[in-house]
N, C-alpha and C. Protein backbone atom coordinates (compact mmCIF):
# COMPACT_ATOMS: atom_id res chain seq x y z
N MET A 1 -32.72 -11.31 -42.65
CA MET A 1 -33.19 -10.29 -41.74
C MET A 1 -32.84 -8.90 -42.26
N ALA A 2 -31.70 -8.73 -42.91
CA ALA A 2 -31.28 -7.41 -43.38
C ALA A 2 -32.13 -6.99 -44.56
N ALA A 3 -32.44 -5.72 -44.60
CA ALA A 3 -33.22 -5.18 -45.69
C ALA A 3 -32.32 -4.95 -46.89
N SER A 4 -32.88 -5.16 -48.11
CA SER A 4 -32.09 -4.87 -49.29
C SER A 4 -31.90 -3.36 -49.41
N HIS A 5 -32.87 -2.61 -48.98
CA HIS A 5 -32.77 -1.15 -48.89
C HIS A 5 -33.14 -0.77 -47.48
N PRO A 6 -32.29 -0.01 -46.81
CA PRO A 6 -32.61 0.36 -45.43
C PRO A 6 -33.86 1.24 -45.38
N ARG A 7 -34.50 1.24 -44.24
CA ARG A 7 -35.69 2.07 -44.04
C ARG A 7 -35.36 3.55 -44.05
N PHE A 8 -34.13 3.89 -43.70
CA PHE A 8 -33.72 5.29 -43.55
C PHE A 8 -32.55 5.56 -44.47
N PRO A 9 -32.49 6.76 -45.05
CA PRO A 9 -31.39 7.05 -45.98
C PRO A 9 -30.04 7.24 -45.31
N LEU A 10 -30.05 7.57 -44.01
CA LEU A 10 -28.81 7.81 -43.28
C LEU A 10 -28.84 7.07 -41.95
N LEU A 11 -27.68 6.64 -41.49
CA LEU A 11 -27.57 5.99 -40.19
C LEU A 11 -28.06 6.90 -39.07
N SER A 12 -27.75 8.19 -39.15
CA SER A 12 -28.18 9.13 -38.10
C SER A 12 -29.70 9.13 -37.96
N ARG A 13 -30.41 9.02 -39.07
CA ARG A 13 -31.88 9.00 -39.02
C ARG A 13 -32.39 7.70 -38.40
N ALA A 14 -31.70 6.61 -38.66
CA ALA A 14 -32.09 5.34 -38.05
C ALA A 14 -31.89 5.40 -36.53
N VAL A 15 -30.77 5.98 -36.08
CA VAL A 15 -30.54 6.11 -34.64
C VAL A 15 -31.62 6.98 -34.02
N ARG A 16 -31.93 8.11 -34.66
CA ARG A 16 -32.96 9.02 -34.13
C ARG A 16 -34.31 8.31 -34.04
N ALA A 17 -34.68 7.55 -35.06
CA ALA A 17 -35.95 6.82 -35.05
C ALA A 17 -35.95 5.76 -33.95
N GLY A 18 -34.81 5.11 -33.75
CA GLY A 18 -34.71 4.10 -32.69
C GLY A 18 -34.85 4.69 -31.30
N ILE A 19 -34.36 5.91 -31.13
CA ILE A 19 -34.51 6.60 -29.85
C ILE A 19 -36.00 6.81 -29.55
N GLN A 20 -36.77 7.10 -30.59
CA GLN A 20 -38.22 7.27 -30.41
C GLN A 20 -38.88 5.95 -30.02
N LEU A 21 -38.40 4.84 -30.59
CA LEU A 21 -38.96 3.53 -30.26
C LEU A 21 -38.58 3.06 -28.87
N VAL A 22 -37.35 3.36 -28.46
CA VAL A 22 -36.82 2.94 -27.16
C VAL A 22 -36.30 4.20 -26.46
N PRO A 23 -37.21 4.96 -25.81
CA PRO A 23 -36.81 6.26 -25.27
C PRO A 23 -35.88 6.20 -24.06
N ASP A 24 -35.85 5.09 -23.34
CA ASP A 24 -34.98 5.00 -22.17
C ASP A 24 -33.62 4.48 -22.57
N PRO A 25 -32.55 5.21 -22.25
CA PRO A 25 -31.21 4.73 -22.61
C PRO A 25 -30.83 3.48 -21.82
N ALA A 26 -29.96 2.69 -22.42
CA ALA A 26 -29.45 1.50 -21.74
C ALA A 26 -28.42 1.92 -20.70
N PRO A 27 -28.17 1.07 -19.70
CA PRO A 27 -27.09 1.38 -18.75
C PRO A 27 -25.76 1.48 -19.47
N PRO A 28 -24.83 2.26 -18.95
CA PRO A 28 -23.51 2.37 -19.58
C PRO A 28 -22.86 1.01 -19.79
N ARG A 29 -22.21 0.88 -20.92
CA ARG A 29 -21.48 -0.33 -21.30
C ARG A 29 -22.36 -1.58 -21.34
N ARG A 30 -23.64 -1.41 -21.63
CA ARG A 30 -24.53 -2.55 -21.84
C ARG A 30 -24.52 -2.86 -23.33
N TYR A 31 -24.14 -4.06 -23.69
CA TYR A 31 -24.00 -4.42 -25.09
C TYR A 31 -25.04 -5.42 -25.50
N PHE A 32 -25.44 -5.32 -26.74
CA PHE A 32 -26.42 -6.21 -27.32
C PHE A 32 -25.75 -6.99 -28.44
N GLY A 33 -25.52 -8.26 -28.24
CA GLY A 33 -24.97 -9.09 -29.30
C GLY A 33 -23.50 -8.84 -29.56
N VAL A 34 -23.05 -9.31 -30.69
CA VAL A 34 -21.63 -9.25 -31.02
C VAL A 34 -21.43 -8.75 -32.43
N SER A 35 -20.22 -8.35 -32.70
CA SER A 35 -19.83 -7.89 -34.02
C SER A 35 -18.53 -8.57 -34.40
N ALA A 36 -18.38 -8.93 -35.65
CA ALA A 36 -17.12 -9.53 -36.09
C ALA A 36 -15.98 -8.54 -35.94
N ALA A 37 -16.27 -7.26 -36.10
CA ALA A 37 -15.22 -6.24 -36.04
C ALA A 37 -14.83 -5.89 -34.61
N THR A 38 -15.81 -5.80 -33.71
CA THR A 38 -15.53 -5.29 -32.38
C THR A 38 -15.77 -6.30 -31.27
N GLY A 39 -16.48 -7.37 -31.56
CA GLY A 39 -16.81 -8.33 -30.51
C GLY A 39 -18.04 -7.94 -29.71
N ARG A 40 -18.67 -6.81 -30.09
CA ARG A 40 -19.86 -6.36 -29.37
C ARG A 40 -20.61 -5.37 -30.24
N LEU A 41 -21.85 -5.15 -29.94
CA LEU A 41 -22.64 -4.14 -30.63
C LEU A 41 -22.92 -3.05 -29.62
N GLY A 42 -22.60 -1.82 -29.95
CA GLY A 42 -22.70 -0.70 -29.02
C GLY A 42 -24.02 -0.62 -28.29
N CYS A 43 -23.93 -0.16 -27.07
CA CYS A 43 -25.07 -0.24 -26.18
C CYS A 43 -26.27 0.55 -26.65
N ASP A 44 -26.13 1.79 -26.99
CA ASP A 44 -27.31 2.61 -27.22
C ASP A 44 -27.51 3.00 -28.67
N ALA A 45 -26.58 3.72 -29.25
CA ALA A 45 -26.81 4.28 -30.58
C ALA A 45 -27.03 3.19 -31.63
N LEU A 46 -26.17 2.18 -31.65
CA LEU A 46 -26.31 1.13 -32.66
C LEU A 46 -27.51 0.23 -32.38
N ALA A 47 -27.80 0.00 -31.12
CA ALA A 47 -28.99 -0.77 -30.78
C ALA A 47 -30.25 0.01 -31.19
N ALA A 48 -30.24 1.32 -31.02
CA ALA A 48 -31.37 2.15 -31.45
C ALA A 48 -31.55 2.03 -32.96
N ALA A 49 -30.45 2.10 -33.71
CA ALA A 49 -30.54 1.95 -35.16
C ALA A 49 -31.08 0.57 -35.53
N TRP A 50 -30.64 -0.45 -34.80
CA TRP A 50 -31.13 -1.81 -35.07
C TRP A 50 -32.64 -1.87 -34.86
N PHE A 51 -33.12 -1.31 -33.76
CA PHE A 51 -34.56 -1.31 -33.49
C PHE A 51 -35.31 -0.61 -34.62
N ALA A 52 -34.82 0.54 -35.04
CA ALA A 52 -35.51 1.29 -36.10
C ALA A 52 -35.55 0.51 -37.41
N GLU A 53 -34.49 -0.21 -37.69
CA GLU A 53 -34.40 -0.93 -38.95
C GLU A 53 -35.15 -2.26 -38.94
N PHE A 54 -35.10 -3.00 -37.83
CA PHE A 54 -35.57 -4.38 -37.84
C PHE A 54 -36.71 -4.72 -36.90
N TYR A 55 -36.93 -3.95 -35.86
CA TYR A 55 -37.92 -4.33 -34.85
C TYR A 55 -39.31 -4.32 -35.45
N ASP A 56 -40.04 -5.40 -35.28
CA ASP A 56 -41.36 -5.53 -35.88
C ASP A 56 -42.49 -5.38 -34.87
N GLY A 57 -42.18 -4.95 -33.67
CA GLY A 57 -43.22 -4.73 -32.66
C GLY A 57 -43.50 -5.92 -31.78
N THR A 58 -42.81 -7.03 -31.98
CA THR A 58 -43.03 -8.21 -31.15
C THR A 58 -41.75 -8.53 -30.40
N ARG A 59 -41.91 -9.15 -29.27
CA ARG A 59 -40.75 -9.60 -28.47
C ARG A 59 -40.93 -11.07 -28.17
N GLU A 60 -39.82 -11.76 -28.15
CA GLU A 60 -39.85 -13.15 -27.72
C GLU A 60 -40.19 -13.17 -26.22
N GLU A 61 -40.77 -14.26 -25.76
CA GLU A 61 -41.09 -14.37 -24.34
C GLU A 61 -39.82 -14.33 -23.51
N ASP A 62 -38.75 -14.90 -24.04
CA ASP A 62 -37.47 -14.92 -23.35
C ASP A 62 -36.67 -13.70 -23.80
N ASP A 63 -36.74 -12.61 -23.04
CA ASP A 63 -36.06 -11.38 -23.44
C ASP A 63 -34.57 -11.57 -23.62
N ASP A 64 -33.92 -12.31 -22.70
CA ASP A 64 -32.49 -12.52 -22.81
C ASP A 64 -32.15 -13.33 -24.07
N GLY A 65 -32.96 -14.31 -24.37
CA GLY A 65 -32.74 -15.08 -25.59
C GLY A 65 -32.90 -14.21 -26.83
N GLY A 66 -33.81 -13.25 -26.76
CA GLY A 66 -34.02 -12.34 -27.88
C GLY A 66 -32.83 -11.45 -28.15
N LEU A 67 -31.99 -11.24 -27.13
CA LEU A 67 -30.83 -10.38 -27.34
C LEU A 67 -29.85 -10.98 -28.34
N GLY A 68 -29.94 -12.28 -28.57
CA GLY A 68 -29.09 -12.89 -29.58
C GLY A 68 -29.37 -12.37 -30.98
N LEU A 69 -30.53 -11.76 -31.16
CA LEU A 69 -30.87 -11.20 -32.47
C LEU A 69 -30.17 -9.87 -32.71
N PHE A 70 -29.63 -9.26 -31.68
CA PHE A 70 -28.99 -7.96 -31.82
C PHE A 70 -27.57 -8.14 -32.34
N LEU A 71 -27.46 -8.52 -33.58
CA LEU A 71 -26.16 -8.73 -34.19
C LEU A 71 -25.88 -7.59 -35.15
N SER A 72 -24.68 -7.12 -35.18
CA SER A 72 -24.38 -5.98 -36.03
C SER A 72 -24.22 -6.35 -37.50
N ALA A 73 -24.07 -7.64 -37.83
CA ALA A 73 -23.94 -8.01 -39.24
C ALA A 73 -25.15 -7.55 -40.04
N PRO A 74 -26.39 -7.81 -39.61
CA PRO A 74 -27.53 -7.31 -40.37
C PRO A 74 -27.57 -5.78 -40.42
N LEU A 75 -27.17 -5.12 -39.35
CA LEU A 75 -27.17 -3.66 -39.35
C LEU A 75 -26.14 -3.13 -40.33
N ALA A 76 -24.96 -3.76 -40.38
CA ALA A 76 -23.92 -3.34 -41.31
C ALA A 76 -24.31 -3.64 -42.76
N GLU A 77 -25.13 -4.67 -42.97
CA GLU A 77 -25.64 -4.93 -44.32
C GLU A 77 -26.59 -3.82 -44.74
N ALA A 78 -27.41 -3.36 -43.83
CA ALA A 78 -28.35 -2.28 -44.14
C ALA A 78 -27.62 -0.94 -44.26
N TYR A 79 -26.59 -0.74 -43.43
CA TYR A 79 -25.83 0.50 -43.41
C TYR A 79 -24.34 0.18 -43.54
N PRO A 80 -23.87 -0.09 -44.75
CA PRO A 80 -22.47 -0.46 -44.96
C PRO A 80 -21.49 0.60 -44.47
N VAL A 81 -21.96 1.81 -44.30
CA VAL A 81 -21.09 2.88 -43.79
C VAL A 81 -20.50 2.50 -42.44
N LEU A 82 -21.16 1.62 -41.69
CA LEU A 82 -20.63 1.18 -40.40
C LEU A 82 -19.27 0.51 -40.52
N LEU A 83 -18.99 -0.04 -41.69
CA LEU A 83 -17.72 -0.73 -41.90
C LEU A 83 -16.65 0.20 -42.47
N ARG A 84 -17.01 1.44 -42.75
CA ARG A 84 -16.06 2.39 -43.35
C ARG A 84 -14.85 2.59 -42.45
N ASN A 85 -13.68 2.56 -43.04
CA ASN A 85 -12.44 2.79 -42.30
C ASN A 85 -12.32 4.28 -42.02
N MET A 86 -12.34 4.64 -40.75
CA MET A 86 -12.27 6.03 -40.32
C MET A 86 -10.88 6.38 -39.78
N GLY A 87 -9.93 5.45 -39.88
CA GLY A 87 -8.59 5.69 -39.37
C GLY A 87 -8.47 5.28 -37.91
N PRO A 88 -7.22 5.24 -37.40
CA PRO A 88 -6.98 4.70 -36.06
C PRO A 88 -7.18 5.69 -34.92
N ASP A 89 -7.30 6.96 -35.21
CA ASP A 89 -7.31 7.96 -34.14
C ASP A 89 -8.67 8.07 -33.46
N CYS A 90 -8.68 8.67 -32.28
CA CYS A 90 -9.90 8.95 -31.55
C CYS A 90 -10.88 9.69 -32.44
N ALA A 91 -12.13 9.34 -32.33
CA ALA A 91 -13.17 9.98 -33.14
C ALA A 91 -13.25 11.48 -32.91
N LEU A 92 -12.79 11.93 -31.77
CA LEU A 92 -12.82 13.35 -31.44
C LEU A 92 -11.46 14.01 -31.57
N LEU A 93 -10.44 13.22 -31.84
CA LEU A 93 -9.06 13.72 -31.85
C LEU A 93 -8.76 14.44 -30.54
N SER A 94 -9.22 13.87 -29.47
CA SER A 94 -9.10 14.47 -28.14
C SER A 94 -7.76 14.11 -27.50
N GLU A 95 -7.09 15.12 -26.98
CA GLU A 95 -5.82 14.88 -26.27
C GLU A 95 -6.05 14.19 -24.94
N ASP A 96 -7.25 14.30 -24.40
CA ASP A 96 -7.58 13.71 -23.11
C ASP A 96 -8.21 12.33 -23.23
N CYS A 97 -8.17 11.74 -24.40
CA CYS A 97 -8.82 10.46 -24.62
C CYS A 97 -8.06 9.35 -23.89
N PRO A 98 -8.77 8.50 -23.11
CA PRO A 98 -8.10 7.40 -22.41
C PRO A 98 -7.63 6.29 -23.36
N ARG A 99 -8.25 6.18 -24.53
CA ARG A 99 -7.87 5.16 -25.51
C ARG A 99 -7.84 5.81 -26.90
N PRO A 100 -6.80 6.55 -27.22
CA PRO A 100 -6.80 7.32 -28.47
C PRO A 100 -6.81 6.47 -29.74
N ALA A 101 -6.41 5.23 -29.66
CA ALA A 101 -6.49 4.33 -30.82
C ALA A 101 -7.63 3.36 -30.58
N GLY A 102 -8.85 3.83 -30.72
CA GLY A 102 -10.02 3.05 -30.34
C GLY A 102 -10.64 2.22 -31.43
N GLY A 103 -10.02 2.05 -32.56
CA GLY A 103 -10.58 1.24 -33.63
C GLY A 103 -10.71 2.03 -34.91
N TYR A 104 -10.92 1.32 -36.01
CA TYR A 104 -10.92 1.94 -37.33
C TYR A 104 -12.31 2.20 -37.90
N SER A 105 -13.24 1.27 -37.76
CA SER A 105 -14.53 1.38 -38.44
C SER A 105 -15.43 2.41 -37.77
N LEU A 106 -16.42 2.87 -38.53
CA LEU A 106 -17.40 3.79 -37.96
C LEU A 106 -18.10 3.15 -36.77
N GLU A 107 -18.41 1.87 -36.88
CA GLU A 107 -19.03 1.14 -35.76
C GLU A 107 -18.16 1.27 -34.50
N GLN A 108 -16.86 1.05 -34.66
CA GLN A 108 -15.94 1.14 -33.52
C GLN A 108 -15.87 2.57 -32.99
N LYS A 109 -15.94 3.54 -33.88
CA LYS A 109 -15.90 4.94 -33.44
C LYS A 109 -17.12 5.28 -32.61
N ILE A 110 -18.28 4.79 -33.02
CA ILE A 110 -19.51 5.06 -32.26
C ILE A 110 -19.42 4.44 -30.87
N ILE A 111 -18.96 3.20 -30.81
CA ILE A 111 -18.78 2.54 -29.52
C ILE A 111 -17.79 3.32 -28.66
N HIS A 112 -16.71 3.76 -29.27
CA HIS A 112 -15.69 4.55 -28.57
C HIS A 112 -16.29 5.84 -28.01
N LEU A 113 -17.08 6.54 -28.81
CA LEU A 113 -17.69 7.79 -28.33
C LEU A 113 -18.56 7.55 -27.11
N GLN A 114 -19.30 6.45 -27.11
CA GLN A 114 -20.17 6.17 -25.98
C GLN A 114 -19.39 5.66 -24.77
N ASP A 115 -18.44 4.76 -25.00
CA ASP A 115 -17.69 4.16 -23.89
C ASP A 115 -16.69 5.12 -23.26
N GLU A 116 -15.91 5.78 -24.09
CA GLU A 116 -14.79 6.56 -23.58
C GLU A 116 -15.11 8.03 -23.36
N HIS A 117 -16.12 8.54 -24.05
CA HIS A 117 -16.41 9.97 -23.95
C HIS A 117 -17.81 10.24 -23.41
N GLY A 118 -18.54 9.19 -23.05
CA GLY A 118 -19.85 9.35 -22.42
C GLY A 118 -20.91 9.93 -23.33
N TYR A 119 -20.76 9.76 -24.64
CA TYR A 119 -21.77 10.28 -25.56
C TYR A 119 -23.10 9.57 -25.34
N THR A 120 -24.16 10.34 -25.37
CA THR A 120 -25.51 9.78 -25.36
C THR A 120 -25.89 9.43 -26.80
N ARG A 121 -27.01 8.78 -26.96
CA ARG A 121 -27.50 8.49 -28.31
C ARG A 121 -27.71 9.78 -29.10
N GLU A 122 -28.23 10.79 -28.43
CA GLU A 122 -28.48 12.07 -29.09
C GLU A 122 -27.18 12.73 -29.53
N HIS A 123 -26.13 12.62 -28.69
CA HIS A 123 -24.82 13.14 -29.08
C HIS A 123 -24.29 12.40 -30.32
N VAL A 124 -24.48 11.09 -30.35
CA VAL A 124 -24.03 10.30 -31.49
C VAL A 124 -24.77 10.74 -32.75
N VAL A 125 -26.08 10.96 -32.64
CA VAL A 125 -26.85 11.43 -33.79
C VAL A 125 -26.26 12.74 -34.32
N PHE A 126 -26.00 13.69 -33.42
CA PHE A 126 -25.44 14.97 -33.83
C PHE A 126 -24.08 14.78 -34.50
N TRP A 127 -23.22 13.92 -33.92
CA TRP A 127 -21.90 13.64 -34.48
C TRP A 127 -22.02 13.05 -35.88
N LEU A 128 -22.95 12.10 -36.06
CA LEU A 128 -23.17 11.51 -37.37
C LEU A 128 -23.70 12.55 -38.37
N GLU A 129 -24.65 13.37 -37.91
CA GLU A 129 -25.22 14.39 -38.80
C GLU A 129 -24.16 15.37 -39.28
N GLN A 130 -23.24 15.74 -38.39
CA GLN A 130 -22.17 16.66 -38.77
C GLN A 130 -21.32 16.10 -39.91
N ARG A 131 -21.28 14.78 -40.02
CA ARG A 131 -20.46 14.12 -41.03
C ARG A 131 -21.29 13.61 -42.20
N GLY A 132 -22.57 13.94 -42.21
CA GLY A 132 -23.44 13.52 -43.30
C GLY A 132 -23.70 12.03 -43.33
N LEU A 133 -23.62 11.41 -42.16
CA LEU A 133 -23.81 9.97 -42.05
C LEU A 133 -25.17 9.69 -41.42
């Protein structure tokens, strides 16, 4: 399922393209599939990137069964930067963070930004762009 070369040169561009494909945001803390690193795939930003990278325009008749395809392993194969160790601190280095040690990988940081800081997909795109990701 994973592409040998991703469709987009940067993860931020994949998220932005996915937002265009799926313009309505998911409910807060809605997860699609699982990740070996986090146990879940982030609700909006990473799911948007998955759609941009892999969605072929068709849906299974069983929508809930189709959610099993939302696994972050193929997304991390397309965008290995998701596995990059970003250190243990909050992605924002915020003193007001409820969970300042929210995980090490970029994938975990994105989930943290959405879960703990209420980032929208668009905020995540901007955060990624600022870092050249």
